[in-house]
Amino acid sequence: MLDLNTAVLCTKGVVLRKDYILFVFHYEEDGIWEFKGSSSDETDYCVLSLEEIVDLDNSISSLLSMDEGFFARRNSITDKWIISPIHT
């Protein structure tokens, strides 16, 4: 079972609630989770727990079983998540 205390990367815009999570990556190389919004600056990240991310956006709970090497995306907060391999 996935530990909700796992450290993850998230853009500050999402953390400050100025942006919604639109991209979720679960990297195969190191198992890291990354959460990005639409206007994410690649250098503007902070570290949170997976539990804090779920608290920010409960729809993330539907992605917790996503395997490493996959990402999920959506166009808006009301859209369903689309899951695809990171490397095609």
PDB file of N, CA and C in Angstrom:
ATOM      1  N   MET A   1       0.837  -1.193   0.000  1.00  0.00           N
ATOM      2  CA  MET A   1       0.000   0.000   0.000  1.00  0.00           C
ATOM      3  C   MET A   1       0.877   1.250   0.000  1.00  0.00           C
ATOM      4  N   LEU A   2       0.446   2.263  -0.703  1.00  0.00           N
ATOM      5  CA  LEU A   2       1.191   3.506  -0.841  1.00  0.00           C
ATOM      6  C   LEU A   2       1.152   4.303   0.456  1.00  0.00           C
ATOM      7  N   ASP A   3       2.314   4.771   0.887  1.00  0.00           N
ATOM      8  CA  ASP A   3       2.435   5.563   2.109  1.00  0.00           C
ATOM      9  C   ASP A   3       2.089   7.019   1.801  1.00  0.00           C
ATOM     10  N   LEU A   4       1.042   7.543   2.429  1.00  0.00           N
ATOM     11  CA  LEU A   4       0.631   8.927   2.182  1.00  0.00           C
ATOM     12  C   LEU A   4       1.614   9.946   2.749  1.00  0.00           C
ATOM     13  N   ASN A   5       2.596   9.476   3.507  1.00  0.00           N
ATOM     14  CA  ASN A   5       3.636  10.354   4.025  1.00  0.00           C
ATOM     15  C   ASN A   5       4.795  10.490   3.035  1.00  0.00           C
ATOM     16  N   THR A   6       4.671   9.883   1.867  1.00  0.00           N
ATOM     17  CA  THR A   6       5.687   9.953   0.823  1.00  0.00           C
ATOM     18  C   THR A   6       5.892  11.398   0.388  1.00  0.00           C
ATOM     19  N   ALA A   7       7.154  11.820   0.270  1.00  0.00           N
ATOM     20  CA  ALA A   7       7.471  13.169  -0.195  1.00  0.00           C
ATOM     21  C   ALA A   7       7.257  13.250  -1.699  1.00  0.00           C
ATOM     22  N   VAL A   8       6.659  14.345  -2.157  1.00  0.00           N
ATOM     23  CA  VAL A   8       6.387  14.569  -3.579  1.00  0.00           C
ATOM     24  C   VAL A   8       6.791  15.993  -3.956  1.00  0.00           C
ATOM     25  N   LEU A   9       6.943  16.230  -5.245  1.00  0.00           N
ATOM     26  CA  LEU A   9       7.235  17.568  -5.759  1.00  0.00           C
ATOM     27  C   LEU A   9       5.963  18.192  -6.301  1.00  0.00           C
ATOM     28  N   CYS A  10       5.802  19.476  -6.032  1.00  0.00           N
ATOM     29  CA  CYS A  10       4.611  20.180  -6.501  1.00  0.00           C
ATOM     30  C   CYS A  10       4.975  21.627  -6.799  1.00  0.00           C
ATOM     31  N   THR A  11       4.400  22.163  -7.866  1.00  0.00           N
ATOM     32  CA  THR A  11       4.664  23.567  -8.184  1.00  0.00           C
ATOM     33  C   THR A  11       3.996  24.467  -7.148  1.00  0.00           C
ATOM     34  N   LYS A  12       4.638  25.587  -6.884  1.00  0.00           N
ATOM     35  CA  LYS A  12       4.142  26.499  -5.855  1.00  0.00           C
ATOM     36  C   LYS A  12       2.783  27.096  -6.198  1.00  0.00           C
ATOM     37  N   GLY A  13       2.499  27.283  -7.478  1.00  0.00           N
ATOM     38  CA  GLY A  13       1.197  27.805  -7.872  1.00  0.00           C
ATOM     39  C   GLY A  13       0.063  26.925  -7.388  1.00  0.00           C
ATOM     40  N   VAL A  14       0.259  25.622  -7.437  1.00  0.00           N
ATOM     41  CA  VAL A  14      -0.743  24.678  -6.939  1.00  0.00           C
ATOM     42  C   VAL A  14      -0.835  24.763  -5.421  1.00  0.00           C
ATOM     43  N   VAL A  15       0.314  24.795  -4.766  1.00  0.00           N
ATOM     44  CA  VAL A  15       0.339  24.837  -3.295  1.00  0.00           C
ATOM     45  C   VAL A  15      -0.337  26.098  -2.775  1.00  0.00           C
ATOM     46  N   LEU A  16      -0.111  27.205  -3.445  1.00  0.00           N
ATOM     47  CA  LEU A  16      -0.704  28.478  -3.025  1.00  0.00           C
ATOM     48  C   LEU A  16      -2.135  28.644  -3.524  1.00  0.00           C
ATOM     49  N   ARG A  17      -2.660  27.609  -4.172  1.00  0.00           N
ATOM     50  CA  ARG A  17      -4.027  27.558  -4.695  1.00  0.00           C
ATOM     51  C   ARG A  17      -4.307  28.625  -5.748  1.00  0.00           C
ATOM     52  N   LYS A  18      -3.259  28.969  -6.507  1.00  0.00           N
ATOM     53  CA  LYS A  18      -3.426  29.878  -7.640  1.00  0.00           C
ATOM     54  C   LYS A  18      -3.595  29.095  -8.941  1.00  0.00           C
ATOM     55  N   ASP A  19      -3.395  27.797  -8.868  1.00  0.00           N
ATOM     56  CA  ASP A  19      -3.446  26.931 -10.029  1.00  0.00           C
ATOM     57  C   ASP A  19      -4.019  25.579  -9.609  1.00  0.00           C
ATOM     58  N   TYR A  20      -4.561  24.832 -10.560  1.00  0.00           N
ATOM     59  CA  TYR A  20      -5.070  23.491 -10.297  1.00  0.00           C
ATOM     60  C   TYR A  20      -4.088  22.452 -10.816  1.00  0.00           C
ATOM     61  N   ILE A  21      -4.084  21.292 -10.204  1.00  0.00           N
ATOM     62  CA  ILE A  21      -3.242  20.202 -10.681  1.00  0.00           C
ATOM     63  C   ILE A  21      -3.830  19.688 -11.996  1.00  0.00           C
ATOM     64  N   LEU A  22      -3.023  19.756 -13.055  1.00  0.00           N
ATOM     65  CA  LEU A  22      -3.448  19.276 -14.363  1.00  0.00           C
ATOM     66  C   LEU A  22      -2.551  18.161 -14.886  1.00  0.00           C
ATOM     67  N   PHE A  23      -1.366  17.996 -14.286  1.00  0.00           N
ATOM     68  CA  PHE A  23      -0.411  16.972 -14.705  1.00  0.00           C
ATOM     69  C   PHE A  23       0.153  16.268 -13.476  1.00  0.00           C
ATOM     70  N   VAL A  24       0.171  14.943 -13.535  1.00  0.00           N
ATOM     71  CA  VAL A  24       0.735  14.130 -12.457  1.00  0.00           C
ATOM     72  C   VAL A  24       1.681  13.128 -13.095  1.00  0.00           C
ATOM     73  N   PHE A  25       2.927  13.131 -12.659  1.00  0.00           N
ATOM     74  CA  PHE A  25       3.929  12.198 -13.158  1.00  0.00           C
ATOM     75  C   PHE A  25       4.357  11.266 -12.028  1.00  0.00           C
ATOM     76  N   HIS A  26       4.510   9.980 -12.340  1.00  0.00           N
ATOM     77  CA  HIS A  26       5.044   9.001 -11.395  1.00  0.00           C
ATOM     78  C   HIS A  26       6.235   8.357 -12.096  1.00  0.00           C
ATOM     79  N   TYR A  27       7.426   8.888 -11.817  1.00  0.00           N
ATOM     80  CA  TYR A  27       8.624   8.522 -12.568  1.00  0.00           C
ATOM     81  C   TYR A  27       9.125   7.126 -12.225  1.00  0.00           C
ATOM     82  N   GLU A  28       9.514   6.405 -13.281  1.00  0.00           N
ATOM     83  CA  GLU A  28      10.003   5.039 -13.132  1.00  0.00           C
ATOM     84  C   GLU A  28      11.415   5.007 -12.556  1.00  0.00           C
ATOM     85  N   GLU A  29      12.236   5.972 -12.916  1.00  0.00           N
ATOM     86  CA  GLU A  29      13.652   5.962 -12.520  1.00  0.00           C
ATOM     87  C   GLU A  29      13.842   5.963 -11.005  1.00  0.00           C
ATOM     88  N   ASP A  30      13.032   6.770 -10.310  1.00  0.00           N
ATOM     89  CA  ASP A  30      13.217   6.923  -8.864  1.00  0.00           C
ATOM     90  C   ASP A  30      11.923   6.856  -8.064  1.00  0.00           C
ATOM     91  N   GLY A  31      10.801   6.640  -8.733  1.00  0.00           N
ATOM     92  CA  GLY A  31       9.515   6.532  -8.039  1.00  0.00           C
ATOM     93  C   GLY A  31       8.935   7.849  -7.567  1.00  0.00           C
ATOM     94  N   ILE A  32       9.571   8.955  -7.932  1.00  0.00           N
ATOM     95  CA  ILE A  32       9.122  10.285  -7.499  1.00  0.00           C
ATOM     96  C   ILE A  32       7.784  10.633  -8.152  1.00  0.00           C
ATOM     97  N   TRP A  33       6.929  11.294  -7.380  1.00  0.00           N
ATOM     98  CA  TRP A  33       5.673  11.858  -7.876  1.00  0.00           C
ATOM     99  C   TRP A  33       5.887  13.349  -8.096  1.00  0.00           C
ATOM    100  N   GLU A  34       5.339  13.883  -9.197  1.00  0.00           N
ATOM    101  CA  GLU A  34       5.416  15.314  -9.498  1.00  0.00           C
ATOM    102  C   GLU A  34       4.021  15.802  -9.889  1.00  0.00           C
ATOM    103  N   PHE A  35       3.629  16.958  -9.337  1.00  0.00           N
ATOM    104  CA  PHE A  35       2.310  17.541  -9.573  1.00  0.00           C
ATOM    105  C   PHE A  35       2.493  18.951 -10.114  1.00  0.00           C
ATOM    106  N   LYS A  36       1.876  19.212 -11.278  1.00  0.00           N
ATOM    107  CA  LYS A  36       2.050  20.494 -11.953  1.00  0.00           C
ATOM    108  C   LYS A  36       0.701  21.068 -12.365  1.00  0.00           C
ATOM    109  N   GLY A  37       0.651  22.391 -12.417  1.00  0.00           N
ATOM    110  CA  GLY A  37      -0.513  23.086 -12.941  1.00  0.00           C
ATOM    111  C   GLY A  37      -0.249  23.552 -14.355  1.00  0.00           C
ATOM    112  N   SER A  38      -1.110  24.393 -14.872  1.00  0.00           N
ATOM    113  CA  SER A  38      -0.987  24.856 -16.257  1.00  0.00           C
ATOM    114  C   SER A  38       0.127  25.871 -16.445  1.00  0.00           C
ATOM    115  N   SER A  39       0.397  26.672 -15.445  1.00  0.00           N
ATOM    116  CA  SER A  39       1.397  27.730 -15.586  1.00  0.00           C
ATOM    117  C   SER A  39       2.612  27.449 -14.706  1.00  0.00           C
ATOM    118  N   SER A  40       3.031  26.211 -14.700  1.00  0.00           N
ATOM    119  CA  SER A  40       4.114  25.827 -13.795  1.00  0.00           C
ATOM    120  C   SER A  40       5.478  26.264 -14.314  1.00  0.00           C
ATOM    121  N   ASP A  41       6.244  26.815 -13.417  1.00  0.00           N
ATOM    122  CA  ASP A  41       7.625  27.187 -13.682  1.00  0.00           C
ATOM    123  C   ASP A  41       8.485  26.027 -13.195  1.00  0.00           C
ATOM    124  N   GLU A  42       9.267  25.455 -14.064  1.00  0.00           N
ATOM    125  CA  GLU A  42      10.054  24.258 -13.746  1.00  0.00           C
ATOM    126  C   GLU A  42      11.003  24.457 -12.565  1.00  0.00           C
ATOM    127  N   THR A  43      11.294  25.683 -12.192  1.00  0.00           N
ATOM    128  CA  THR A  43      12.198  25.917 -11.064  1.00  0.00           C
ATOM    129  C   THR A  43      11.447  26.302  -9.791  1.00  0.00           C
ATOM    130  N   ASP A  44      10.154  26.322  -9.833  1.00  0.00           N
ATOM    131  CA  ASP A  44       9.343  26.825  -8.726  1.00  0.00           C
ATOM    132  C   ASP A  44       8.590  25.688  -8.025  1.00  0.00           C
ATOM    133  N   TYR A  45       9.341  24.796  -7.391  1.00  0.00           N
ATOM    134  CA  TYR A  45       8.765  23.620  -6.746  1.00  0.00           C
ATOM    135  C   TYR A  45       8.931  23.673  -5.237  1.00  0.00           C
ATOM    136  N   CYS A  46       8.093  22.918  -4.562  1.00  0.00           N
ATOM    137  CA  CYS A  46       8.269  22.686  -3.142  1.00  0.00           C
ATOM    138  C   CYS A  46       7.981  21.208  -2.868  1.00  0.00           C
ATOM    139  N   VAL A  47       8.348  20.756  -1.684  1.00  0.00           N
ATOM    140  CA  VAL A  47       8.164  19.364  -1.296  1.00  0.00           C
ATOM    141  C   VAL A  47       7.007  19.282  -0.312  1.00  0.00           C
ATOM    142  N   LEU A  48       6.066  18.389  -0.608  1.00  0.00           N
ATOM    143  CA  LEU A  48       4.913  18.131   0.249  1.00  0.00           C
ATOM    144  C   LEU A  48       4.799  16.628   0.457  1.00  0.00           C
ATOM    145  N   SER A  49       3.868  16.238   1.298  1.00  0.00           N
ATOM    146  CA  SER A  49       3.557  14.813   1.406  1.00  0.00           C
ATOM    147  C   SER A  49       2.428  14.496   0.426  1.00  0.00           C
ATOM    148  N   LEU A  50       2.322  13.240   0.066  1.00  0.00           N
ATOM    149  CA  LEU A  50       1.229  12.817  -0.808  1.00  0.00           C
ATOM    150  C   LEU A  50      -0.124  13.107  -0.162  1.00  0.00           C
ATOM    151  N   GLU A  51      -0.183  12.990   1.143  1.00  0.00           N
ATOM    152  CA  GLU A  51      -1.429  13.295   1.864  1.00  0.00           C
ATOM    153  C   GLU A  51      -1.823  14.763   1.688  1.00  0.00           C
ATOM    154  N   GLU A  52      -0.852  15.656   1.730  1.00  0.00           N
ATOM    155  CA  GLU A  52      -1.148  17.083   1.541  1.00  0.00           C
ATOM    156  C   GLU A  52      -1.664  17.356   0.126  1.00  0.00           C
ATOM    157  N   ILE A  53      -1.133  16.632  -0.856  1.00  0.00           N
ATOM    158  CA  ILE A  53      -1.608  16.786  -2.236  1.00  0.00           C
ATOM    159  C   ILE A  53      -3.063  16.337  -2.351  1.00  0.00           C
ATOM    160  N   VAL A  54      -3.387  15.199  -1.732  1.00  0.00           N
ATOM    161  CA  VAL A  54      -4.769  14.706  -1.765  1.00  0.00           C
ATOM    162  C   VAL A  54      -5.701  15.698  -1.067  1.00  0.00           C
ATOM    163  N   ASP A  55      -5.205  16.327   0.004  1.00  0.00           N
ATOM    164  CA  ASP A  55      -6.013  17.349   0.681  1.00  0.00           C
ATOM    165  C   ASP A  55      -6.259  18.563  -0.219  1.00  0.00           C
ATOM    166  N   LEU A  56      -5.273  18.912  -1.061  1.00  0.00           N
ATOM    167  CA  LEU A  56      -5.442  20.028  -1.995  1.00  0.00           C
ATOM    168  C   LEU A  56      -6.426  19.681  -3.109  1.00  0.00           C
ATOM    169  N   ASP A  57      -6.396  18.414  -3.559  1.00  0.00           N
ATOM    170  CA  ASP A  57      -7.234  17.987  -4.682  1.00  0.00           C
ATOM    171  C   ASP A  57      -7.588  16.516  -4.495  1.00  0.00           C
ATOM    172  N   ASN A  58      -8.781  16.262  -4.020  1.00  0.00           N
ATOM    173  CA  ASN A  58      -9.203  14.898  -3.702  1.00  0.00           C
ATOM    174  C   ASN A  58      -9.249  13.981  -4.924  1.00  0.00           C
ATOM    175  N   SER A  59      -9.327  14.529  -6.131  1.00  0.00           N
ATOM    176  CA  SER A  59      -9.345  13.681  -7.324  1.00  0.00           C
ATOM    177  C   SER A  59      -8.036  12.913  -7.500  1.00  0.00           C
ATOM    178  N   ILE A  60      -6.981  13.377  -6.847  1.00  0.00           N
ATOM    179  CA  ILE A  60      -5.691  12.690  -6.913  1.00  0.00           C
ATOM    180  C   ILE A  60      -5.784  11.287  -6.313  1.00  0.00           C
ATOM    181  N   SER A  61      -6.686  11.071  -5.370  1.00  0.00           N
ATOM    182  CA  SER A  61      -6.825   9.748  -4.755  1.00  0.00           C
ATOM    183  C   SER A  61      -7.129   8.675  -5.798  1.00  0.00           C
ATOM    184  N   SER A  62      -7.755   9.047  -6.904  1.00  0.00           N
ATOM    185  CA  SER A  62      -8.035   8.075  -7.964  1.00  0.00           C
ATOM    186  C   SER A  62      -6.781   7.678  -8.742  1.00  0.00           C
ATOM    187  N   LEU A  63      -5.684   8.418  -8.548  1.00  0.00           N
ATOM    188  CA  LEU A  63      -4.430   8.149  -9.262  1.00  0.00           C
ATOM    189  C   LEU A  63      -3.393   7.427  -8.409  1.00  0.00           C
ATOM    190  N   LEU A  64      -3.683   7.180  -7.161  1.00  0.00           N
ATOM    191  CA  LEU A  64      -2.680   6.626  -6.259  1.00  0.00           C
ATOM    192  C   LEU A  64      -2.218   5.224  -6.638  1.00  0.00           C
ATOM    193  N   SER A  65      -2.977   4.531  -7.446  1.00  0.00           N
ATOM    194  CA  SER A  65      -2.558   3.209  -7.908  1.00  0.00           C
ATOM    195  C   SER A  65      -1.833   3.265  -9.255  1.00  0.00           C
ATOM    196  N   MET A  66      -1.594   4.472  -9.765  1.00  0.00           N
ATOM    197  CA  MET A  66      -0.908   4.628 -11.054  1.00  0.00           C
ATOM    198  C   MET A  66       0.521   4.109 -10.933  1.00  0.00           C
ATOM    199  N   ASP A  67       0.900   3.236 -11.844  1.00  0.00           N
ATOM    200  CA  ASP A  67       2.234   2.635 -11.822  1.00  0.00           C
ATOM    201  C   ASP A  67       3.310   3.657 -12.138  1.00  0.00           C
ATOM    202  N   GLU A  68       4.526   3.334 -11.716  1.00  0.00           N
ATOM    203  CA  GLU A  68       5.685   4.140 -12.092  1.00  0.00           C
ATOM    204  C   GLU A  68       5.842   4.083 -13.604  1.00  0.00           C
ATOM    205  N   GLY A  69       6.298   5.183 -14.187  1.00  0.00           N
ATOM    206  CA  GLY A  69       6.478   5.251 -15.635  1.00  0.00           C
ATOM    207  C   GLY A  69       5.247   5.762 -16.365  1.00  0.00           C
ATOM    208  N   PHE A  70       4.260   6.244 -15.615  1.00  0.00           N
ATOM    209  CA  PHE A  70       3.031   6.766 -16.213  1.00  0.00           C
ATOM    210  C   PHE A  70       2.784   8.192 -15.745  1.00  0.00           C
ATOM    211  N   PHE A  71       1.951   8.904 -16.522  1.00  0.00           N
ATOM    212  CA  PHE A  71       1.519  10.231 -16.108  1.00  0.00           C
ATOM    213  C   PHE A  71       0.034  10.363 -16.383  1.00  0.00           C
ATOM    214  N   ALA A  72      -0.582  11.295 -15.690  1.00  0.00           N
ATOM    215  CA  ALA A  72      -2.005  11.587 -15.882  1.00  0.00           C
ATOM    216  C   ALA A  72      -2.131  13.067 -16.218  1.00  0.00           C
ATOM    217  N   ARG A  73      -3.101  13.351 -17.078  1.00  0.00           N
ATOM    218  CA  ARG A  73      -3.319  14.758 -17.446  1.00  0.00           C
ATOM    219  C   ARG A  73      -4.814  14.997 -17.624  1.00  0.00           C
ATOM    220  N   ARG A  74      -5.169  16.249 -17.507  1.00  0.00           N
ATOM    221  CA  ARG A  74      -6.533  16.691 -17.791  1.00  0.00           C
ATOM    222  C   ARG A  74      -6.448  18.134 -18.234  1.00  0.00           C
ATOM    223  N   ASN A  75      -7.457  18.608 -18.954  1.00  0.00           N
ATOM    224  CA  ASN A  75      -7.443  19.978 -19.468  1.00  0.00           C
ATOM    225  C   ASN A  75      -8.007  20.990 -18.488  1.00  0.00           C
ATOM    226  N   SER A  76      -8.867  20.536 -17.588  1.00  0.00           N
ATOM    227  CA  SER A  76      -9.442  21.426 -16.578  1.00  0.00           C
ATOM    228  C   SER A  76      -9.755  20.604 -15.334  1.00  0.00           C
ATOM    229  N   ILE A  77     -10.070  21.271 -14.275  1.00  0.00           N
ATOM    230  CA  ILE A  77     -10.338  20.595 -13.009  1.00  0.00           C
ATOM    231  C   ILE A  77     -11.593  19.717 -13.067  1.00  0.00           C
ATOM    232  N   THR A  78     -12.482  19.987 -14.025  1.00  0.00           N
ATOM    233  CA  THR A  78     -13.713  19.202 -14.136  1.00  0.00           C
ATOM    234  C   THR A  78     -13.569  18.002 -15.077  1.00  0.00           C
ATOM    235  N   ASP A  79     -12.463  17.927 -15.818  1.00  0.00           N
ATOM    236  CA  ASP A  79     -12.241  16.815 -16.737  1.00  0.00           C
ATOM    237  C   ASP A  79     -11.772  15.562 -16.000  1.00  0.00           C
ATOM    238  N   LYS A  80     -11.976  14.419 -16.645  1.00  0.00           N
ATOM    239  CA  LYS A  80     -11.467  13.162 -16.099  1.00  0.00           C
ATOM    240  C   LYS A  80      -9.981  13.048 -16.415  1.00  0.00           C
ATOM    241  N   TRP A  81      -9.267  12.312 -15.558  1.00  0.00           N
ATOM    242  CA  TRP A  81      -7.854  12.076 -15.761  1.00  0.00           C
ATOM    243  C   TRP A  81      -7.642  11.106 -16.918  1.00  0.00           C
ATOM    244  N   ILE A  82      -6.657  11.378 -17.764  1.00  0.00           N
ATOM    245  CA  ILE A  82      -6.239  10.486 -18.839  1.00  0.00           C
ATOM    246  C   ILE A  82      -4.843  10.005 -18.486  1.00  0.00           C
ATOM    247  N   ILE A  83      -4.664   8.693 -18.386  1.00  0.00           N
ATOM    248  CA  ILE A  83      -3.375   8.120 -17.984  1.00  0.00           C
ATOM    249  C   ILE A  83      -2.676   7.529 -19.208  1.00  0.00           C
ATOM    250  N   SER A  84      -1.379   7.835 -19.333  1.00  0.00           N
ATOM    251  CA  SER A  84      -0.568   7.360 -20.455  1.00  0.00           C
ATOM    252  C   SER A  84       0.837   7.044 -19.963  1.00  0.00           C
ATOM    253  N   PRO A  85       1.572   6.214 -20.710  1.00  0.00           N
ATOM    254  CA  PRO A  85       2.981   6.006 -20.371  1.00  0.00           C
ATOM    255  C   PRO A  85       3.771   7.308 -20.570  1.00  0.00           C
ATOM    256  N   ILE A  86       4.765   7.536 -19.741  1.00  0.00           N
ATOM    257  CA  ILE A  86       5.582   8.740 -19.891  1.00  0.00           C
ATOM    258  C   ILE A  86       6.371   8.660 -21.172  1.00  0.00           C
ATOM    259  N   HIS A  87       6.981   7.518 -21.443  1.00  0.00           N
ATOM    260  CA  HIS A  87       7.764   7.339 -22.680  1.00  0.00           C
ATOM    261  C   HIS A  87       6.929   6.530 -23.664  1.00  0.00           C
ATOM    262  N   THR A  88       6.670   7.122 -24.814  1.00  0.00           N
ATOM    263  CA  THR A  88       5.863   6.412 -25.807  1.00  0.00           C
ATOM    264  C   THR A  88       6.710   5.876 -26.920  1.00  0.00           C
TER     265      THR A  88
END
